[in-house]
């Protein structure tokens, strides 16, 4: 079941399965970074993209959170939660 997960840097992230990703967002469930199948996907609200576990871990290493992105991050997060029916 899709769920909001904790992120050490404070980003808003949703973990979901490939079938959940396809049902909510359409497409064929590929990573927005490497274009491989994302059997587990991590929706990163600030980027408005979903990454496979490997790309998500790599992105986390270098990502920097900027407060000026908070408004668009929150908007993308709420839209994704609604699409995935997360309360």
PDB file of N, CA and C in Angstrom:
ATOM      1  N   UNK A   1       0.832  -1.174   0.000  1.00  0.00           N
ATOM      2  CA  UNK A   1       0.000   0.000   0.000  1.00  0.00           C
ATOM      3  C   UNK A   1       0.885   1.249   0.000  1.00  0.00           C
ATOM      4  N   UNK A   2       0.558   2.214  -0.843  1.00  0.00           N
ATOM      5  CA  UNK A   2       1.328   3.455  -0.924  1.00  0.00           C
ATOM      6  C   UNK A   2       1.338   4.133   0.440  1.00  0.00           C
ATOM      7  N   UNK A   3       2.510   4.683   0.790  1.00  0.00           N
ATOM      8  CA  UNK A   3       2.633   5.325   2.092  1.00  0.00           C
ATOM      9  C   UNK A   3       3.655   6.457   2.051  1.00  0.00           C
ATOM     10  N   UNK A   4       3.420   7.443   2.887  1.00  0.00           N
ATOM     11  CA  UNK A   4       4.368   8.534   3.079  1.00  0.00           C
ATOM     12  C   UNK A   4       5.514   7.978   3.908  1.00  0.00           C
ATOM     13  N   UNK A   5       6.741   8.275   3.492  1.00  0.00           N
ATOM     14  CA  UNK A   5       7.892   7.781   4.245  1.00  0.00           C
ATOM     15  C   UNK A   5       8.715   8.951   4.765  1.00  0.00           C
ATOM     16  N   UNK A   6       9.460   8.681   5.825  1.00  0.00           N
ATOM     17  CA  UNK A   6      10.357   9.679   6.395  1.00  0.00           C
ATOM     18  C   UNK A   6      11.573   9.834   5.496  1.00  0.00           C
ATOM     19  N   UNK A   7      12.051  11.059   5.421  1.00  0.00           N
ATOM     20  CA  UNK A   7      13.244  11.360   4.657  1.00  0.00           C
ATOM     21  C   UNK A   7      14.149  12.184   5.560  1.00  0.00           C
ATOM     22  N   UNK A   8      15.394  11.763   5.706  1.00  0.00           N
ATOM     23  CA  UNK A   8      16.326  12.403   6.637  1.00  0.00           C
ATOM     24  C   UNK A   8      16.552  13.884   6.352  1.00  0.00           C
ATOM     25  N   UNK A   9      16.346  14.306   5.101  1.00  0.00           N
ATOM     26  CA  UNK A   9      16.581  15.702   4.747  1.00  0.00           C
ATOM     27  C   UNK A   9      15.302  16.529   4.733  1.00  0.00           C
ATOM     28  N   UNK A  10      14.179  15.904   5.099  1.00  0.00           N
ATOM     29  CA  UNK A  10      12.925  16.632   5.211  1.00  0.00           C
ATOM     30  C   UNK A  10      12.096  16.723   3.943  1.00  0.00           C
ATOM     31  N   UNK A  11      12.469  16.003   2.900  1.00  0.00           N
ATOM     32  CA  UNK A  11      11.680  16.003   1.669  1.00  0.00           C
ATOM     33  C   UNK A  11      10.395  15.203   1.871  1.00  0.00           C
ATOM     34  N   UNK A  12       9.362  15.554   1.136  1.00  0.00           N
ATOM     35  CA  UNK A  12       8.095  14.823   1.163  1.00  0.00           C
ATOM     36  C   UNK A  12       8.170  13.736   0.092  1.00  0.00           C
ATOM     37  N   UNK A  13       8.084  12.468   0.533  1.00  0.00           N
ATOM     38  CA  UNK A  13       8.277  11.323  -0.348  1.00  0.00           C
ATOM     39  C   UNK A  13       7.186  10.295  -0.095  1.00  0.00           C
ATOM     40  N   UNK A  14       6.705   9.680  -1.176  1.00  0.00           N
ATOM     41  CA  UNK A  14       5.705   8.616  -1.088  1.00  0.00           C
ATOM     42  C   UNK A  14       6.281   7.369  -1.744  1.00  0.00           C
ATOM     43  N   UNK A  15       6.248   6.260  -1.007  1.00  0.00           N
ATOM     44  CA  UNK A  15       6.681   4.968  -1.538  1.00  0.00           C
ATOM     45  C   UNK A  15       5.454   4.235  -2.068  1.00  0.00           C
ATOM     46  N   UNK A  16       5.588   3.639  -3.256  1.00  0.00           N
ATOM     47  CA  UNK A  16       4.455   2.926  -3.850  1.00  0.00           C
ATOM     48  C   UNK A  16       4.956   1.766  -4.701  1.00  0.00           C
ATOM     49  N   UNK A  17       4.054   0.818  -4.945  1.00  0.00           N
ATOM     50  CA  UNK A  17       4.373  -0.306  -5.813  1.00  0.00           C
ATOM     51  C   UNK A  17       4.164   0.096  -7.269  1.00  0.00           C
ATOM     52  N   UNK A  18       4.681  -0.708  -8.175  1.00  0.00           N
ATOM     53  CA  UNK A  18       4.499  -0.440  -9.597  1.00  0.00           C
ATOM     54  C   UNK A  18       3.025  -0.415  -9.987  1.00  0.00           C
ATOM     55  N   UNK A  19       2.199  -1.385  -9.564  1.00  0.00           N
ATOM     56  CA  UNK A  19       0.779  -1.317  -9.921  1.00  0.00           C
ATOM     57  C   UNK A  19       0.083  -0.055  -9.387  1.00  0.00           C
ATOM     58  N   UNK A  20       0.448   0.379  -8.178  1.00  0.00           N
ATOM     59  CA  UNK A  20      -0.138   1.604  -7.626  1.00  0.00           C
ATOM     60  C   UNK A  20       0.275   2.818  -8.454  1.00  0.00           C
ATOM     61  N   UNK A  21       1.524   2.856  -8.848  1.00  0.00           N
ATOM     62  CA  UNK A  21       2.041   3.954  -9.660  1.00  0.00           C
ATOM     63  C   UNK A  21       1.317   4.042 -10.994  1.00  0.00           C
ATOM     64  N   UNK A  22       1.174   2.914 -11.652  1.00  0.00           N
ATOM     65  CA  UNK A  22       0.511   2.876 -12.963  1.00  0.00           C
ATOM     66  C   UNK A  22      -0.956   3.272 -12.834  1.00  0.00           C
ATOM     67  N   UNK A  23      -1.628   2.745 -11.822  1.00  0.00           N
ATOM     68  CA  UNK A  23      -3.053   3.055 -11.629  1.00  0.00           C
ATOM     69  C   UNK A  23      -3.272   4.539 -11.340  1.00  0.00           C
ATOM     70  N   UNK A  24      -2.438   5.118 -10.498  1.00  0.00           N
ATOM     71  CA  UNK A  24      -2.627   6.517 -10.098  1.00  0.00           C
ATOM     72  C   UNK A  24      -2.152   7.510 -11.152  1.00  0.00           C
ATOM     73  N   UNK A  25      -0.998   7.234 -11.757  1.00  0.00           N
ATOM     74  CA  UNK A  25      -0.371   8.219 -12.630  1.00  0.00           C
ATOM     75  C   UNK A  25      -0.378   7.841 -14.105  1.00  0.00           C
ATOM     76  N   UNK A  26      -0.759   6.589 -14.418  1.00  0.00           N
ATOM     77  CA  UNK A  26      -0.715   6.156 -15.809  1.00  0.00           C
ATOM     78  C   UNK A  26       0.706   5.759 -16.187  1.00  0.00           C
ATOM     79  N   UNK A  27       0.955   5.650 -17.466  1.00  0.00           N
ATOM     80  CA  UNK A  27       2.287   5.268 -17.919  1.00  0.00           C
ATOM     81  C   UNK A  27       2.548   3.796 -17.715  1.00  0.00           C
ATOM     82  N   UNK A  28       3.834   3.446 -17.708  1.00  0.00           N
ATOM     83  CA  UNK A  28       4.203   2.031 -17.595  1.00  0.00           C
ATOM     84  C   UNK A  28       5.080   1.738 -16.381  1.00  0.00           C
ATOM     85  N   UNK A  29       5.229   2.688 -15.478  1.00  0.00           N
ATOM     86  CA  UNK A  29       5.930   2.443 -14.219  1.00  0.00           C
ATOM     87  C   UNK A  29       7.439   2.384 -14.336  1.00  0.00           C
ATOM     88  N   UNK A  30       8.021   3.350 -15.031  1.00  0.00           N
ATOM     89  CA  UNK A  30       9.477   3.393 -15.124  1.00  0.00           C
ATOM     90  C   UNK A  30      10.029   4.536 -14.283  1.00  0.00           C
ATOM     91  N   UNK A  31      11.267   4.384 -13.865  1.00  0.00           N
ATOM     92  CA  UNK A  31      11.975   5.394 -13.080  1.00  0.00           C
ATOM     93  C   UNK A  31      12.184   6.638 -13.944  1.00  0.00           C
ATOM     94  N   UNK A  32      11.895   7.796 -13.384  1.00  0.00           N
ATOM     95  CA  UNK A  32      12.089   9.050 -14.116  1.00  0.00           C
ATOM     96  C   UNK A  32      13.559   9.428 -14.235  1.00  0.00           C
ATOM     97  N   UNK A  33      14.439   8.690 -13.581  1.00  0.00           N
ATOM     98  CA  UNK A  33      15.870   8.976 -13.673  1.00  0.00           C
ATOM     99  C   UNK A  33      16.580   8.026 -14.639  1.00  0.00           C
ATOM    100  N   UNK A  34      16.432   6.718 -14.425  1.00  0.00           N
ATOM    101  CA  UNK A  34      17.180   5.744 -15.237  1.00  0.00           C
ATOM    102  C   UNK A  34      16.329   5.048 -16.305  1.00  0.00           C
ATOM    103  N   UNK A  35      15.028   5.252 -16.277  1.00  0.00           N
ATOM    104  CA  UNK A  35      14.094   4.665 -17.248  1.00  0.00           C
ATOM    105  C   UNK A  35      13.971   3.142 -17.175  1.00  0.00           C
ATOM    106  N   UNK A  36      14.356   2.567 -16.051  1.00  0.00           N
ATOM    107  CA  UNK A  36      14.147   1.127 -15.842  1.00  0.00           C
ATOM    108  C   UNK A  36      12.844   0.936 -15.077  1.00  0.00           C
ATOM    109  N   UNK A  37      12.333  -0.289 -15.086  1.00  0.00           N
ATOM    110  CA  UNK A  37      11.104  -0.589 -14.352  1.00  0.00           C
ATOM    111  C   UNK A  37      11.293  -0.256 -12.874  1.00  0.00           C
ATOM    112  N   UNK A  38      10.313   0.426 -12.316  1.00  0.00           N
ATOM    113  CA  UNK A  38      10.355   0.796 -10.893  1.00  0.00           C
ATOM    114  C   UNK A  38       9.317  -0.048 -10.167  1.00  0.00           C
ATOM    115  N   UNK A  39       9.697  -1.273  -9.774  1.00  0.00           N
ATOM    116  CA  UNK A  39       8.771  -2.180  -9.098  1.00  0.00           C
ATOM    117  C   UNK A  39       8.352  -1.607  -7.746  1.00  0.00           C
ATOM    118  N   UNK A  40       9.254  -0.856  -7.138  1.00  0.00           N
ATOM    119  CA  UNK A  40       8.940   0.007  -6.011  1.00  0.00           C
ATOM    120  C   UNK A  40       9.373   1.387  -6.455  1.00  0.00           C
ATOM    121  N   UNK A  41       8.499   2.377  -6.299  1.00  0.00           N
ATOM    122  CA  UNK A  41       8.818   3.732  -6.735  1.00  0.00           C
ATOM    123  C   UNK A  41       8.729   4.687  -5.560  1.00  0.00           C
ATOM    124  N   UNK A  42       9.552   5.708  -5.615  1.00  0.00           N
ATOM    125  CA  UNK A  42       9.570   6.758  -4.607  1.00  0.00           C
ATOM    126  C   UNK A  42       9.214   8.062  -5.294  1.00  0.00           C
ATOM    127  N   UNK A  43       8.001   8.565  -5.016  1.00  0.00           N
ATOM    128  CA  UNK A  43       7.581   9.842  -5.583  1.00  0.00           C
ATOM    129  C   UNK A  43       8.193  10.946  -4.741  1.00  0.00           C
ATOM    130  N   UNK A  44       9.005  11.790  -5.368  1.00  0.00           N
ATOM    131  CA  UNK A  44       9.687  12.894  -4.703  1.00  0.00           C
ATOM    132  C   UNK A  44       8.937  14.159  -5.085  1.00  0.00           C
ATOM    133  N   UNK A  45       8.162  14.677  -4.149  1.00  0.00           N
ATOM    134  CA  UNK A  45       7.231  15.768  -4.453  1.00  0.00           C
ATOM    135  C   UNK A  45       7.925  17.019  -4.977  1.00  0.00           C
ATOM    136  N   UNK A  46       9.065  17.371  -4.428  1.00  0.00           N
ATOM    137  CA  UNK A  46       9.740  18.588  -4.861  1.00  0.00           C
ATOM    138  C   UNK A  46      10.179  18.494  -6.321  1.00  0.00           C
ATOM    139  N   UNK A  47      10.457  17.292  -6.800  1.00  0.00           N
ATOM    140  CA  UNK A  47      10.834  17.084  -8.201  1.00  0.00           C
ATOM    141  C   UNK A  47       9.631  16.758  -9.079  1.00  0.00           C
ATOM    142  N   UNK A  48       8.536  16.315  -8.444  1.00  0.00           N
ATOM    143  CA  UNK A  48       7.357  15.827  -9.153  1.00  0.00           C
ATOM    144  C   UNK A  48       7.739  14.656 -10.065  1.00  0.00           C
ATOM    145  N   UNK A  49       8.586  13.772  -9.527  1.00  0.00           N
ATOM    146  CA  UNK A  49       9.085  12.607 -10.248  1.00  0.00           C
ATOM    147  C   UNK A  49       9.115  11.406  -9.322  1.00  0.00           C
ATOM    148  N   UNK A  50       9.130  10.215  -9.939  1.00  0.00           N
ATOM    149  CA  UNK A  50       9.222   8.966  -9.178  1.00  0.00           C
ATOM    150  C   UNK A  50      10.484   8.217  -9.602  1.00  0.00           C
ATOM    151  N   UNK A  51      11.256   7.769  -8.607  1.00  0.00           N
ATOM    152  CA  UNK A  51      12.522   7.090  -8.857  1.00  0.00           C
ATOM    153  C   UNK A  51      12.458   5.652  -8.346  1.00  0.00           C
ATOM    154  N   UNK A  52      13.254   4.782  -8.953  1.00  0.00           N
ATOM    155  CA  UNK A  52      13.441   3.422  -8.452  1.00  0.00           C
ATOM    156  C   UNK A  52      14.270   3.513  -7.164  1.00  0.00           C
ATOM    157  N   UNK A  53      14.358   2.430  -6.394  1.00  0.00           N
ATOM    158  CA  UNK A  53      15.118   2.486  -5.134  1.00  0.00           C
ATOM    159  C   UNK A  53      16.569   2.930  -5.305  1.00  0.00           C
ATOM    160  N   UNK A  54      17.237   2.434  -6.339  1.00  0.00           N
ATOM    161  CA  UNK A  54      18.645   2.804  -6.541  1.00  0.00           C
ATOM    162  C   UNK A  54      18.788   4.300  -6.806  1.00  0.00           C
ATOM    163  N   UNK A  55      18.019   4.824  -7.740  1.00  0.00           N
ATOM    164  CA  UNK A  55      18.113   6.247  -8.085  1.00  0.00           C
ATOM    165  C   UNK A  55      17.671   7.130  -6.924  1.00  0.00           C
ATOM    166  N   UNK A  56      16.677   6.674  -6.169  1.00  0.00           N
ATOM    167  CA  UNK A  56      16.242   7.434  -4.989  1.00  0.00           C
ATOM    168  C   UNK A  56      17.377   7.543  -3.984  1.00  0.00           C
ATOM    169  N   UNK A  57      18.068   6.456  -3.704  1.00  0.00           N
ATOM    170  CA  UNK A  57      19.182   6.472  -2.748  1.00  0.00           C
ATOM    171  C   UNK A  57      20.312   7.368  -3.250  1.00  0.00           C
ATOM    172  N   UNK A  58      20.615   7.292  -4.532  1.00  0.00           N
ATOM    173  CA  UNK A  58      21.663   8.142  -5.098  1.00  0.00           C
ATOM    174  C   UNK A  58      21.271   9.617  -5.024  1.00  0.00           C
ATOM    175  N   UNK A  59      20.024   9.926  -5.340  1.00  0.00           N
ATOM    176  CA  UNK A  59      19.546  11.307  -5.286  1.00  0.00           C
ATOM    177  C   UNK A  59      19.634  11.851  -3.860  1.00  0.00           C
ATOM    178  N   UNK A  60      19.257  11.032  -2.881  1.00  0.00           N
ATOM    179  CA  UNK A  60      19.272  11.465  -1.477  1.00  0.00           C
ATOM    180  C   UNK A  60      20.657  11.899  -1.014  1.00  0.00           C
ATOM    181  N   UNK A  61      21.687  11.253  -1.536  1.00  0.00           N
ATOM    182  CA  UNK A  61      23.057  11.559  -1.108  1.00  0.00           C
ATOM    183  C   UNK A  61      23.428  13.017  -1.381  1.00  0.00           C
ATOM    184  N   UNK A  62      22.918  13.550  -2.491  1.00  0.00           N
ATOM    185  CA  UNK A  62      23.358  14.871  -2.927  1.00  0.00           C
ATOM    186  C   UNK A  62      22.265  15.941  -2.883  1.00  0.00           C
ATOM    187  N   UNK A  63      21.052  15.548  -2.606  1.00  0.00           N
ATOM    188  CA  UNK A  63      19.932  16.495  -2.624  1.00  0.00           C
ATOM    189  C   UNK A  63      20.061  17.517  -1.503  1.00  0.00           C
ATOM    190  N   UNK A  64      19.680  18.740  -1.825  1.00  0.00           N
ATOM    191  CA  UNK A  64      19.652  19.818  -0.850  1.00  0.00           C
ATOM    192  C   UNK A  64      18.246  20.386  -0.827  1.00  0.00           C
ATOM    193  N   UNK A  65      17.705  20.533   0.340  1.00  0.00           N
ATOM    194  CA  UNK A  65      16.343  21.073   0.483  1.00  0.00           C
ATOM    195  C   UNK A  65      16.420  22.586   0.605  1.00  0.00           C
ATOM    196  N   UNK A  66      15.632  23.264  -0.236  1.00  0.00           N
ATOM    197  CA  UNK A  66      15.567  24.724  -0.219  1.00  0.00           C
ATOM    198  C   UNK A  66      14.170  25.145   0.201  1.00  0.00           C
ATOM    199  N   UNK A  67      14.108  26.008   1.188  1.00  0.00           N
ATOM    200  CA  UNK A  67      12.815  26.447   1.727  1.00  0.00           C
ATOM    201  C   UNK A  67      11.947  27.104   0.661  1.00  0.00           C
ATOM    202  N   UNK A  68      12.550  27.774  -0.301  1.00  0.00           N
ATOM    203  CA  UNK A  68      11.761  28.435  -1.341  1.00  0.00           C
ATOM    204  C   UNK A  68      11.013  27.449  -2.243  1.00  0.00           C
ATOM    205  N   UNK A  69      11.337  26.157  -2.159  1.00  0.00           N
ATOM    206  CA  UNK A  69      10.628  25.129  -2.923  1.00  0.00           C
ATOM    207  C   UNK A  69       9.449  24.531  -2.151  1.00  0.00           C
ATOM    208  N   UNK A  70       9.276  24.923  -0.896  1.00  0.00           N
ATOM    209  CA  UNK A  70       8.291  24.292  -0.013  1.00  0.00           C
ATOM    210  C   UNK A  70       6.863  24.375  -0.543  1.00  0.00           C
ATOM    211  N   UNK A  71       6.481  25.489  -1.121  1.00  0.00           N
ATOM    212  CA  UNK A  71       5.101  25.657  -1.586  1.00  0.00           C
ATOM    213  C   UNK A  71       4.779  24.706  -2.743  1.00  0.00           C
ATOM    214  N   UNK A  72       5.648  24.619  -3.729  1.00  0.00           N
ATOM    215  CA  UNK A  72       5.388  23.725  -4.868  1.00  0.00           C
ATOM    216  C   UNK A  72       5.520  22.259  -4.425  1.00  0.00           C
ATOM    217  N   UNK A  73       6.450  21.987  -3.512  1.00  0.00           N
ATOM    218  CA  UNK A  73       6.589  20.632  -2.984  1.00  0.00           C
ATOM    219  C   UNK A  73       5.291  20.201  -2.299  1.00  0.00           C
ATOM    220  N   UNK A  74       4.727  21.070  -1.468  1.00  0.00           N
ATOM    221  CA  UNK A  74       3.481  20.744  -0.768  1.00  0.00           C
ATOM    222  C   UNK A  74       2.339  20.519  -1.757  1.00  0.00           C
ATOM    223  N   UNK A  75       2.255  21.372  -2.770  1.00  0.00           N
ATOM    224  CA  UNK A  75       1.209  21.219  -3.790  1.00  0.00           C
ATOM    225  C   UNK A  75       1.332  19.859  -4.491  1.00  0.00           C
ATOM    226  N   UNK A  76       2.533  19.528  -4.969  1.00  0.00           N
ATOM    227  CA  UNK A  76       2.747  18.249  -5.661  1.00  0.00           C
ATOM    228  C   UNK A  76       2.445  17.069  -4.741  1.00  0.00           C
ATOM    229  N   UNK A  77       2.813  17.197  -3.478  1.00  0.00           N
ATOM    230  CA  UNK A  77       2.590  16.153  -2.481  1.00  0.00           C
ATOM    231  C   UNK A  77       1.094  15.904  -2.286  1.00  0.00           C
ATOM    232  N   UNK A  78       0.325  16.977  -2.146  1.00  0.00           N
ATOM    233  CA  UNK A  78      -1.123  16.838  -1.949  1.00  0.00           C
ATOM    234  C   UNK A  78      -1.792  16.232  -3.174  1.00  0.00           C
ATOM    235  N   UNK A  79      -1.388  16.644  -4.352  1.00  0.00           N
ATOM    236  CA  UNK A  79      -1.949  16.078  -5.587  1.00  0.00           C
ATOM    237  C   UNK A  79      -1.659  14.575  -5.647  1.00  0.00           C
ATOM    238  N   UNK A  80      -0.414  14.188  -5.383  1.00  0.00           N
ATOM    239  CA  UNK A  80      -0.045  12.767  -5.422  1.00  0.00           C
ATOM    240  C   UNK A  80      -0.800  11.969  -4.368  1.00  0.00           C
ATOM    241  N   UNK A  81      -0.908  12.501  -3.156  1.00  0.00           N
ATOM    242  CA  UNK A  81      -1.654  11.800  -2.103  1.00  0.00           C
ATOM    243  C   UNK A  81      -3.099  11.570  -2.537  1.00  0.00           C
ATOM    244  N   UNK A  82      -3.718  12.566  -3.139  1.00  0.00           N
ATOM    245  CA  UNK A  82      -5.098  12.410  -3.620  1.00  0.00           C
ATOM    246  C   UNK A  82      -5.193  11.345  -4.703  1.00  0.00           C
ATOM    247  N   UNK A  83      -4.249  11.356  -5.628  1.00  0.00           N
ATOM    248  CA  UNK A  83      -4.260  10.380  -6.719  1.00  0.00           C
ATOM    249  C   UNK A  83      -4.072   8.962  -6.201  1.00  0.00           C
ATOM    250  N   UNK A  84      -3.270   8.828  -5.147  1.00  0.00           N
ATOM    251  CA  UNK A  84      -2.997   7.515  -4.549  1.00  0.00           C
ATOM    252  C   UNK A  84      -3.968   7.174  -3.422  1.00  0.00           C
ATOM    253  N   UNK A  85      -4.879   8.095  -3.107  1.00  0.00           N
ATOM    254  CA  UNK A  85      -5.877   7.917  -2.060  1.00  0.00           C
ATOM    255  C   UNK A  85      -5.246   7.685  -0.689  1.00  0.00           C
ATOM    256  N   UNK A  86      -4.214   8.466  -0.417  1.00  0.00           N
ATOM    257  CA  UNK A  86      -3.566   8.429   0.886  1.00  0.00           C
ATOM    258  C   UNK A  86      -4.182   9.532   1.739  1.00  0.00           C
ATOM    259  N   UNK A  87      -4.537   9.221   2.949  1.00  0.00           N
ATOM    260  CA  UNK A  87      -5.132  10.221   3.856  1.00  0.00           C
ATOM    261  C   UNK A  87      -4.066  10.867   4.692  1.00  0.00           C
TER     262      UNK A  87
END
